[in-house]
Amino acid sequence: MNLEQLIKAALAEDIGSGDITSRLLIPENQKGVAHIIANGTGILAGIKICGQVFKAVDRRIQYEPFYRDSSRFRRGAILARVAGPARSILTAERTALNFLCRLSGIATLTAKFVSRIKGSRAIILDTRKTTPGWRELEKYAVRCGGGRNHRMGLYDMVLIKDNHLTLVGSVTEALNRAKGAKVPVMIEVKTIDQLREALAAGAKRIMLDNMTVPQLRRAVQINAGQAKLEASGGVSLKNVQQIARSGVDFISVGELTHSAPAADISLEFSTEM
């Protein structure tokens, strides 16, 4: 589903047979001016998408953003101006804000993780734990917050996980079967013994799943630069700094997309005409 289709589906879900309240209360020819206002601090993502939603409802709506994606905003900041048919602005309001608040929330949380590990070699990555249909948008928001994207889907990386290993039988056999893949190959290990086996089999990127910080340090020592190491599982703002200090190359954080709180942003009409 591309962005245009996603916006269309979101609007159809909300509007249904029509915006009854606005249709009853607001004359069709009434004009209005509204501002999109930040009610807290954060990192912006989706400001242009927000405008696309308004335009999808009514091409006559004028939309002027004052901030760019990836920029930091503070409480009280006017992020954009919306002007035109008041009824149409009201109809589009919730859906437009849903996109903006959700994506800015992800960017804001990502920026917090990135800030916590500043000075380390580690890079913050997202995961595939995304809202169905929103993956490209949510991964874009991660980039706005200073993080980087892990694989986009099942098609752009071989990632051998625990269930694959259960069915295949061993780390070595799984890596042998993945030889010749035309995309990067990564394997998940849960123990130091599995790490040693993966290194012996020539693994170049290894995910260290749910290891403690002492285990991560040990893994880094054993690896000695042979492969890129990624810490994954149980990562939070409370422990991410310690994880980064272990010396891993990447830290993948599911929370970025599955648990980021929405940014507090609202739309308010003004007396400006």
C-alpha atoms as a PDB file:
ATOM      1  CA  MET A   1       0.000   0.000   0.000  1.00  0.00           C
ATOM      2  CA  ASN A   2       1.520   3.326  -1.045  1.00  0.00           C
ATOM      3  CA  LEU A   3       1.066   6.587   0.849  1.00  0.00           C
ATOM      4  CA  GLU A   4      -1.795   7.833  -1.308  1.00  0.00           C
ATOM      5  CA  GLN A   5      -3.698   4.597  -0.760  1.00  0.00           C
ATOM      6  CA  LEU A   6      -2.987   4.667   2.971  1.00  0.00           C
ATOM      7  CA  ILE A   7      -4.284   8.224   3.299  1.00  0.00           C
ATOM      8  CA  LYS A   8      -7.371   7.342   1.273  1.00  0.00           C
ATOM      9  CA  ALA A   9      -8.060   4.307   3.467  1.00  0.00           C
ATOM     10  CA  ALA A  10      -7.522   6.275   6.682  1.00  0.00           C
ATOM     11  CA  LEU A  11      -9.909   8.998   5.574  1.00  0.00           C
ATOM     12  CA  ALA A  12     -12.531   6.491   4.465  1.00  0.00           C
ATOM     13  CA  GLU A  13     -12.303   4.781   7.848  1.00  0.00           C
ATOM     14  CA  ASP A  14     -12.913   8.067   9.680  1.00  0.00           C
ATOM     15  CA  ILE A  15     -15.350   9.879   7.400  1.00  0.00           C
ATOM     16  CA  GLY A  16     -17.504   6.943   6.372  1.00  0.00           C
ATOM     17  CA  SER A  17     -20.757   8.321   4.955  1.00  0.00           C
ATOM     18  CA  GLY A  18     -19.850  11.868   5.976  1.00  0.00           C
ATOM     19  CA  ASP A  19     -18.809  14.240   8.772  1.00  0.00           C
ATOM     20  CA  ILE A  20     -22.260  14.673  10.295  1.00  0.00           C
ATOM     21  CA  THR A  21     -21.298  17.209  12.954  1.00  0.00           C
ATOM     22  CA  SER A  22     -19.444  19.587  10.675  1.00  0.00           C
ATOM     23  CA  ARG A  23     -22.112  19.283   8.000  1.00  0.00           C
ATOM     24  CA  LEU A  24     -24.841  20.292  10.481  1.00  0.00           C
ATOM     25  CA  LEU A  25     -22.956  23.085  12.267  1.00  0.00           C
ATOM     26  CA  ILE A  26     -20.655  24.674   9.689  1.00  0.00           C
ATOM     27  CA  PRO A  27     -21.958  26.404   6.533  1.00  0.00           C
ATOM     28  CA  GLU A  28     -20.425  25.026   3.366  1.00  0.00           C
ATOM     29  CA  ASN A  29     -19.015  28.414   2.353  1.00  0.00           C
ATOM     30  CA  GLN A  30     -17.507  29.324   5.739  1.00  0.00           C
ATOM     31  CA  LYS A  31     -13.755  29.906   5.658  1.00  0.00           C
ATOM     32  CA  GLY A  32     -11.349  29.412   8.525  1.00  0.00           C
ATOM     33  CA  VAL A  33      -7.727  29.566   9.577  1.00  0.00           C
ATOM     34  CA  ALA A  34      -6.193  27.074  11.974  1.00  0.00           C
ATOM     35  CA  HIS A  35      -2.749  26.387  13.352  1.00  0.00           C
ATOM     36  CA  ILE A  36      -1.127  23.071  14.178  1.00  0.00           C
ATOM     37  CA  ILE A  37       0.427  23.545  17.606  1.00  0.00           C
ATOM     38  CA  ALA A  38       2.912  21.486  19.607  1.00  0.00           C
ATOM     39  CA  ASN A  39       1.808  20.831  23.177  1.00  0.00           C
ATOM     40  CA  GLY A  40       5.166  19.386  24.154  1.00  0.00           C
ATOM     41  CA  THR A  41       8.733  19.031  22.914  1.00  0.00           C
ATOM     42  CA  GLY A  42       9.863  16.549  20.318  1.00  0.00           C
ATOM     43  CA  ILE A  43      11.276  15.732  16.892  1.00  0.00           C
ATOM     44  CA  LEU A  44       9.058  16.332  13.898  1.00  0.00           C
ATOM     45  CA  ALA A  45       8.154  13.665  11.339  1.00  0.00           C
ATOM     46  CA  GLY A  46       5.293  13.649   8.845  1.00  0.00           C
ATOM     47  CA  ILE A  47       4.688  17.385   8.460  1.00  0.00           C
ATOM     48  CA  LYS A  48       4.279  17.109   4.669  1.00  0.00           C
ATOM     49  CA  ILE A  49       2.155  13.970   4.999  1.00  0.00           C
ATOM     50  CA  CYS A  50      -0.124  15.922   7.314  1.00  0.00           C
ATOM     51  CA  GLY A  51      -0.599  18.443   4.511  1.00  0.00           C
ATOM     52  CA  GLN A  52      -1.333  15.699   2.011  1.00  0.00           C
ATOM     53  CA  VAL A  53      -4.221  14.532   4.166  1.00  0.00           C
ATOM     54  CA  PHE A  54      -5.812  17.989   4.156  1.00  0.00           C
ATOM     55  CA  LYS A  55      -5.358  18.237   0.385  1.00  0.00           C
ATOM     56  CA  ALA A  56      -6.883  14.775  -0.081  1.00  0.00           C
ATOM     57  CA  VAL A  57     -10.058  16.018   1.602  1.00  0.00           C
ATOM     58  CA  ASP A  58     -10.233  19.352  -0.211  1.00  0.00           C
ATOM     59  CA  ARG A  59      -7.746  20.713  -2.739  1.00  0.00           C
ATOM     60  CA  ARG A  60      -8.833  24.246  -1.802  1.00  0.00           C
ATOM     61  CA  ILE A  61      -7.200  23.952   1.620  1.00  0.00           C
ATOM     62  CA  GLN A  62      -3.983  25.953   1.896  1.00  0.00           C
ATOM     63  CA  TYR A  63      -1.316  24.292   3.993  1.00  0.00           C
ATOM     64  CA  GLU A  64       1.877  26.037   5.088  1.00  0.00           C
ATOM     65  CA  PRO A  65       4.380  24.133   7.267  1.00  0.00           C
ATOM     66  CA  PHE A  66       6.798  26.194   9.372  1.00  0.00           C
ATOM     67  CA  TYR A  67       9.073  23.329  10.449  1.00  0.00           C
ATOM     68  CA  ARG A  68      10.823  20.566   8.552  1.00  0.00           C
ATOM     69  CA  ASP A  69      10.915  16.884   9.395  1.00  0.00           C
ATOM     70  CA  SER A  70      13.799  15.955  11.718  1.00  0.00           C
ATOM     71  CA  SER A  71      13.711  19.399  13.343  1.00  0.00           C
ATOM     72  CA  ARG A  72      13.238  19.799  17.083  1.00  0.00           C
ATOM     73  CA  PHE A  73      10.128  21.615  18.293  1.00  0.00           C
ATOM     74  CA  ARG A  74       9.192  23.017  21.672  1.00  0.00           C
ATOM     75  CA  ARG A  75       5.922  23.396  23.534  1.00  0.00           C
ATOM     76  CA  GLY A  76       3.815  26.153  22.002  1.00  0.00           C
ATOM     77  CA  ALA A  77       5.502  26.030  18.589  1.00  0.00           C
ATOM     78  CA  ILE A  78       3.223  26.664  15.620  1.00  0.00           C
ATOM     79  CA  LEU A  79       4.154  23.867  13.250  1.00  0.00           C
ATOM     80  CA  ALA A  80       1.871  24.765  10.342  1.00  0.00           C
ATOM     81  CA  ARG A  81      -0.953  27.019   9.171  1.00  0.00           C
ATOM     82  CA  VAL A  82      -4.093  25.591   7.579  1.00  0.00           C
ATOM     83  CA  ALA A  83      -6.606  27.816   5.787  1.00  0.00           C
ATOM     84  CA  GLY A  84      -9.641  27.283   3.593  1.00  0.00           C
ATOM     85  CA  PRO A  85     -13.130  25.772   3.844  1.00  0.00           C
ATOM     86  CA  ALA A  86     -13.653  25.313   7.596  1.00  0.00           C
ATOM     87  CA  ARG A  87     -15.843  22.260   7.183  1.00  0.00           C
ATOM     88  CA  SER A  88     -13.169  20.470   5.167  1.00  0.00           C
ATOM     89  CA  ILE A  89     -10.436  21.375   7.663  1.00  0.00           C
ATOM     90  CA  LEU A  90     -12.502  19.875  10.472  1.00  0.00           C
ATOM     91  CA  THR A  91     -13.164  16.737   8.456  1.00  0.00           C
ATOM     92  CA  ALA A  92      -9.466  16.173   7.784  1.00  0.00           C
ATOM     93  CA  GLU A  93      -8.208  17.255  11.222  1.00  0.00           C
ATOM     94  CA  ARG A  94      -8.121  13.962  13.120  1.00  0.00           C
ATOM     95  CA  THR A  95      -6.661  11.857  10.335  1.00  0.00           C
ATOM     96  CA  ALA A  96      -3.999  14.455   9.534  1.00  0.00           C
ATOM     97  CA  LEU A  97      -3.004  14.697  13.195  1.00  0.00           C
ATOM     98  CA  ASN A  98      -2.960  10.918  13.568  1.00  0.00           C
ATOM     99  CA  PHE A  99      -0.222  10.702  10.947  1.00  0.00           C
ATOM    100  CA  LEU A 100       1.722  13.616  12.388  1.00  0.00           C
ATOM    101  CA  CYS A 101       1.461  12.597  16.048  1.00  0.00           C
ATOM    102  CA  ARG A 102       2.290   8.941  15.422  1.00  0.00           C
ATOM    103  CA  LEU A 103       5.338   9.629  13.261  1.00  0.00           C
ATOM    104  CA  SER A 104       6.634  12.466  15.433  1.00  0.00           C
ATOM    105  CA  GLY A 105       6.281  10.215  18.464  1.00  0.00           C
ATOM    106  CA  ILE A 106       8.507   7.604  16.830  1.00  0.00           C
ATOM    107  CA  ALA A 107      11.065  10.230  15.790  1.00  0.00           C
ATOM    108  CA  THR A 108      11.093  11.690  19.295  1.00  0.00           C
ATOM    109  CA  LEU A 109      11.637   8.341  21.009  1.00  0.00           C
ATOM    110  CA  THR A 110      14.335   7.392  18.506  1.00  0.00           C
ATOM    111  CA  ALA A 111      16.174  10.648  19.202  1.00  0.00           C
ATOM    112  CA  LYS A 112      16.163   9.831  22.928  1.00  0.00           C
ATOM    113  CA  PHE A 113      17.804   6.464  22.279  1.00  0.00           C
ATOM    114  CA  VAL A 114      20.353   8.010  19.928  1.00  0.00           C
ATOM    115  CA  SER A 115      21.171  10.682  22.508  1.00  0.00           C
ATOM    116  CA  ARG A 116      21.682   8.083  25.257  1.00  0.00           C
ATOM    117  CA  ILE A 117      24.455   6.301  23.335  1.00  0.00           C
ATOM    118  CA  LYS A 118      26.220   9.394  22.020  1.00  0.00           C
ATOM    119  CA  GLY A 119      29.975   8.876  22.049  1.00  0.00           C
ATOM    120  CA  SER A 120      29.785   5.114  21.564  1.00  0.00           C
ATOM    121  CA  ARG A 121      30.374   3.200  18.335  1.00  0.00           C
ATOM    122  CA  ALA A 122      26.885   1.704  18.384  1.00  0.00           C
ATOM    123  CA  ILE A 123      24.108   2.580  15.958  1.00  0.00           C
ATOM    124  CA  ILE A 124      20.417   2.472  16.871  1.00  0.00           C
ATOM    125  CA  LEU A 125      18.305   0.335  14.524  1.00  0.00           C
ATOM    126  CA  ASP A 126      14.588  -0.310  14.237  1.00  0.00           C
ATOM    127  CA  THR A 127      12.885  -3.682  13.676  1.00  0.00           C
ATOM    128  CA  ARG A 128       9.969  -5.158  11.721  1.00  0.00           C
ATOM    129  CA  LYS A 129       7.671  -4.638  14.721  1.00  0.00           C
ATOM    130  CA  THR A 130       5.678  -1.997  12.901  1.00  0.00           C
ATOM    131  CA  THR A 131       2.019  -1.114  12.423  1.00  0.00           C
ATOM    132  CA  PRO A 132       0.649  -3.150   9.468  1.00  0.00           C
ATOM    133  CA  GLY A 133       0.650  -0.964   6.364  1.00  0.00           C
ATOM    134  CA  TRP A 134       2.733   1.749   8.042  1.00  0.00           C
ATOM    135  CA  ARG A 135       6.205   0.194   7.807  1.00  0.00           C
ATOM    136  CA  GLU A 136       7.738   2.613   5.312  1.00  0.00           C
ATOM    137  CA  LEU A 137       6.339   5.614   7.192  1.00  0.00           C
ATOM    138  CA  GLU A 138       7.436   4.389  10.613  1.00  0.00           C
ATOM    139  CA  LYS A 139      10.911   3.527   9.389  1.00  0.00           C
ATOM    140  CA  TYR A 140      11.091   6.986   7.817  1.00  0.00           C
ATOM    141  CA  ALA A 141      10.222   8.446  11.232  1.00  0.00           C
ATOM    142  CA  VAL A 142      13.070   6.454  12.792  1.00  0.00           C
ATOM    143  CA  ARG A 143      15.452   8.100  10.330  1.00  0.00           C
ATOM    144  CA  CYS A 144      14.023  11.507  11.220  1.00  0.00           C
ATOM    145  CA  GLY A 145      14.977  10.775  14.820  1.00  0.00           C
ATOM    146  CA  GLY A 146      18.557   9.898  13.932  1.00  0.00           C
ATOM    147  CA  GLY A 147      18.233   6.120  13.903  1.00  0.00           C
ATOM    148  CA  ARG A 148      18.854   3.769  11.015  1.00  0.00           C
ATOM    149  CA  ASN A 149      16.706   1.136   9.398  1.00  0.00           C
ATOM    150  CA  HIS A 150      17.144  -2.594   9.786  1.00  0.00           C
ATOM    151  CA  ARG A 151      15.828  -4.808   6.986  1.00  0.00           C
ATOM    152  CA  MET A 152      12.627  -3.572   5.398  1.00  0.00           C
ATOM    153  CA  GLY A 153      11.060  -7.010   5.153  1.00  0.00           C
ATOM    154  CA  LEU A 154      11.683 -10.666   4.508  1.00  0.00           C
ATOM    155  CA  TYR A 155      13.037  -9.924   1.040  1.00  0.00           C
ATOM    156  CA  ASP A 156      16.122  -7.752   1.584  1.00  0.00           C
ATOM    157  CA  MET A 157      18.165  -9.731   4.134  1.00  0.00           C
ATOM    158  CA  VAL A 158      18.629 -13.321   5.227  1.00  0.00           C
ATOM    159  CA  LEU A 159      18.059 -13.270   8.990  1.00  0.00           C
ATOM    160  CA  ILE A 160      18.371 -16.704  10.546  1.00  0.00           C
ATOM    161  CA  LYS A 161      16.441 -16.730  13.825  1.00  0.00           C
ATOM    162  CA  ASP A 162      15.790 -19.268  16.566  1.00  0.00           C
ATOM    163  CA  ASN A 163      12.840 -20.931  14.832  1.00  0.00           C
ATOM    164  CA  HIS A 164      14.900 -21.391  11.673  1.00  0.00           C
ATOM    165  CA  LEU A 165      17.640 -23.007  13.751  1.00  0.00           C
ATOM    166  CA  THR A 166      15.151 -25.331  15.436  1.00  0.00           C
ATOM    167  CA  LEU A 167      13.948 -26.550  12.038  1.00  0.00           C
ATOM    168  CA  VAL A 168      17.395 -26.695  10.390  1.00  0.00           C
ATOM    169  CA  GLY A 169      19.259 -28.243  13.297  1.00  0.00           C
ATOM    170  CA  SER A 170      22.400 -26.162  13.790  1.00  0.00           C
ATOM    171  CA  VAL A 171      24.034 -22.766  13.322  1.00  0.00           C
ATOM    172  CA  THR A 172      26.617 -24.212  10.929  1.00  0.00           C
ATOM    173  CA  GLU A 173      24.072 -25.961   8.712  1.00  0.00           C
ATOM    174  CA  ALA A 174      21.868 -22.857   8.566  1.00  0.00           C
ATOM    175  CA  LEU A 175      24.782 -20.680   7.467  1.00  0.00           C
ATOM    176  CA  ASN A 176      25.834 -23.265   4.894  1.00  0.00           C
ATOM    177  CA  ARG A 177      22.341 -23.257   3.395  1.00  0.00           C
ATOM    178  CA  ALA A 178      22.385 -19.451   3.224  1.00  0.00           C
ATOM    179  CA  LYS A 179      25.639 -19.349   1.249  1.00  0.00           C
ATOM    180  CA  GLY A 180      25.233 -17.769  -2.163  1.00  0.00           C
ATOM    181  CA  ALA A 181      22.434 -15.440  -1.064  1.00  0.00           C
ATOM    182  CA  LYS A 182      22.525 -12.179  -3.002  1.00  0.00           C
ATOM    183  CA  VAL A 183      21.506 -10.154   0.057  1.00  0.00           C
ATOM    184  CA  PRO A 184      23.263  -9.715   3.437  1.00  0.00           C
ATOM    185  CA  VAL A 185      23.154 -12.732   5.758  1.00  0.00           C
ATOM    186  CA  MET A 186      22.720 -12.399   9.499  1.00  0.00           C
ATOM    187  CA  ILE A 187      22.269 -15.036  12.190  1.00  0.00           C
ATOM    188  CA  GLU A 188      20.752 -14.754  15.654  1.00  0.00           C
ATOM    189  CA  VAL A 189      22.516 -16.489  18.539  1.00  0.00           C
ATOM    190  CA  LYS A 190      21.450 -16.822  22.160  1.00  0.00           C
ATOM    191  CA  THR A 191      24.594 -18.257  23.749  1.00  0.00           C
ATOM    192  CA  ILE A 192      28.348 -17.781  23.640  1.00  0.00           C
ATOM    193  CA  ASP A 193      28.703 -21.314  22.272  1.00  0.00           C
ATOM    194  CA  GLN A 194      26.413 -20.452  19.355  1.00  0.00           C
ATOM    195  CA  LEU A 195      28.473 -17.303  18.787  1.00  0.00           C
ATOM    196  CA  ARG A 196      31.662 -19.350  18.541  1.00  0.00           C
ATOM    197  CA  GLU A 197      29.977 -21.741  16.100  1.00  0.00           C
ATOM    198  CA  ALA A 198      28.716 -18.846  13.959  1.00  0.00           C
ATOM    199  CA  LEU A 199      32.178 -17.293  13.796  1.00  0.00           C
ATOM    200  CA  ALA A 200      33.747 -20.632  12.891  1.00  0.00           C
ATOM    201  CA  ALA A 201      31.210 -20.986  10.077  1.00  0.00           C
ATOM    202  CA  GLY A 202      32.183 -17.570   8.678  1.00  0.00           C
ATOM    203  CA  ALA A 203      29.276 -15.394   9.835  1.00  0.00           C
ATOM    204  CA  LYS A 204      29.836 -11.714   9.072  1.00  0.00           C
ATOM    205  CA  ARG A 205      26.899 -10.273  11.002  1.00  0.00           C
ATOM    206  CA  ILE A 206      25.567 -11.741  14.207  1.00  0.00           C
ATOM    207  CA  MET A 207      22.590 -10.785  16.374  1.00  0.00           C
ATOM    208  CA  LEU A 208      23.134 -11.343  20.094  1.00  0.00           C
ATOM    209  CA  ASP A 209      19.642 -12.075  21.369  1.00  0.00           C
ATOM    210  CA  ASN A 210      18.673 -11.170  24.938  1.00  0.00           C
ATOM    211  CA  MET A 211      22.206 -11.383  26.278  1.00  0.00           C
ATOM    212  CA  THR A 212      23.170  -9.678  29.520  1.00  0.00           C
ATOM    213  CA  VAL A 213      25.672  -6.832  29.421  1.00  0.00           C
ATOM    214  CA  PRO A 214      28.493  -9.081  30.750  1.00  0.00           C
ATOM    215  CA  GLN A 215      27.639 -11.622  28.036  1.00  0.00           C
ATOM    216  CA  LEU A 216      27.720  -8.868  25.420  1.00  0.00           C
ATOM    217  CA  ARG A 217      31.169  -7.778  26.595  1.00  0.00           C
ATOM    218  CA  ARG A 218      32.366 -11.361  26.412  1.00  0.00           C
ATOM    219  CA  ALA A 219      30.917 -11.742  22.935  1.00  0.00           C
ATOM    220  CA  VAL A 220      32.739  -8.608  21.769  1.00  0.00           C
ATOM    221  CA  GLN A 221      36.018  -9.991  23.139  1.00  0.00           C
ATOM    222  CA  ILE A 222      35.556 -13.358  21.445  1.00  0.00           C
ATOM    223  CA  ASN A 223      34.501 -11.767  18.181  1.00  0.00           C
ATOM    224  CA  ALA A 224      37.621  -9.556  18.049  1.00  0.00           C
ATOM    225  CA  GLY A 225      36.338  -7.690  15.012  1.00  0.00           C
ATOM    226  CA  GLN A 226      35.556 -10.763  12.901  1.00  0.00           C
ATOM    227  CA  ALA A 227      31.871  -9.942  12.446  1.00  0.00           C
ATOM    228  CA  LYS A 228      29.502  -7.042  13.035  1.00  0.00           C
ATOM    229  CA  LEU A 229      27.610  -7.593  16.289  1.00  0.00           C
ATOM    230  CA  GLU A 230      24.082  -6.467  17.067  1.00  0.00           C
ATOM    231  CA  ALA A 231      22.476  -6.480  20.512  1.00  0.00           C
ATOM    232  CA  SER A 232      18.762  -7.183  20.484  1.00  0.00           C
ATOM    233  CA  GLY A 233      16.020  -7.920  22.978  1.00  0.00           C
ATOM    234  CA  GLY A 234      15.066  -6.181  26.189  1.00  0.00           C
ATOM    235  CA  VAL A 235      16.568  -2.850  25.135  1.00  0.00           C
ATOM    236  CA  SER A 236      15.220   0.221  26.927  1.00  0.00           C
ATOM    237  CA  LEU A 237      16.237   3.793  27.672  1.00  0.00           C
ATOM    238  CA  LYS A 238      17.378   2.566  31.081  1.00  0.00           C
ATOM    239  CA  ASN A 239      19.915   0.042  29.797  1.00  0.00           C
ATOM    240  CA  VAL A 240      20.809   1.156  26.272  1.00  0.00           C
ATOM    241  CA  GLN A 241      23.850   3.123  27.408  1.00  0.00           C
ATOM    242  CA  GLN A 242      25.328   0.092  29.178  1.00  0.00           C
ATOM    243  CA  ILE A 243      24.626  -2.044  26.129  1.00  0.00           C
ATOM    244  CA  ALA A 244      26.371   0.470  23.875  1.00  0.00           C
ATOM    245  CA  ARG A 245      29.396   0.507  26.172  1.00  0.00           C
ATOM    246  CA  SER A 246      29.804  -3.239  25.710  1.00  0.00           C
ATOM    247  CA  GLY A 247      31.285  -2.523  22.283  1.00  0.00           C
ATOM    248  CA  VAL A 248      28.580  -3.879  19.965  1.00  0.00           C
ATOM    249  CA  ASP A 249      28.159  -2.291  16.535  1.00  0.00           C
ATOM    250  CA  PHE A 250      24.358  -2.106  16.437  1.00  0.00           C
ATOM    251  CA  ILE A 251      21.473  -2.072  18.886  1.00  0.00           C
ATOM    252  CA  SER A 252      18.026  -2.954  17.534  1.00  0.00           C
ATOM    253  CA  VAL A 253      15.062  -1.542  19.446  1.00  0.00           C
ATOM    254  CA  GLY A 254      11.530  -2.805  18.854  1.00  0.00           C
ATOM    255  CA  GLU A 255      10.131  -0.156  21.172  1.00  0.00           C
ATOM    256  CA  LEU A 256      10.828   2.561  18.602  1.00  0.00           C
ATOM    257  CA  THR A 257       7.871   1.496  16.506  1.00  0.00           C
ATOM    258  CA  HIS A 258       5.716  -0.774  18.654  1.00  0.00           C
ATOM    259  CA  SER A 259       5.546   1.362  21.801  1.00  0.00           C
ATOM    260  CA  ALA A 260       6.411   4.964  20.974  1.00  0.00           C
ATOM    261  CA  PRO A 261       3.926   7.372  22.589  1.00  0.00           C
ATOM    262  CA  ALA A 262       2.249   9.744  20.155  1.00  0.00           C
ATOM    263  CA  ALA A 263       3.489  13.317  20.151  1.00  0.00           C
ATOM    264  CA  ASP A 264       1.059  15.792  21.708  1.00  0.00           C
ATOM    265  CA  ILE A 265       0.078  18.013  18.780  1.00  0.00           C
ATOM    266  CA  SER A 266      -3.270  19.693  18.158  1.00  0.00           C
ATOM    267  CA  LEU A 267      -5.098  21.908  15.692  1.00  0.00           C
ATOM    268  CA  GLU A 268      -6.730  25.125  16.866  1.00  0.00           C
ATOM    269  CA  PHE A 269      -8.813  27.567  14.845  1.00  0.00           C
ATOM    270  CA  SER A 270      -7.930  31.233  15.192  1.00  0.00           C
ATOM    271  CA  THR A 271      -9.675  34.563  14.593  1.00  0.00           C
ATOM    272  CA  GLU A 272      -7.228  35.292  11.755  1.00  0.00           C
ATOM    273  CA  MET A 273      -8.954  35.579   8.380  1.00  0.00           C
END
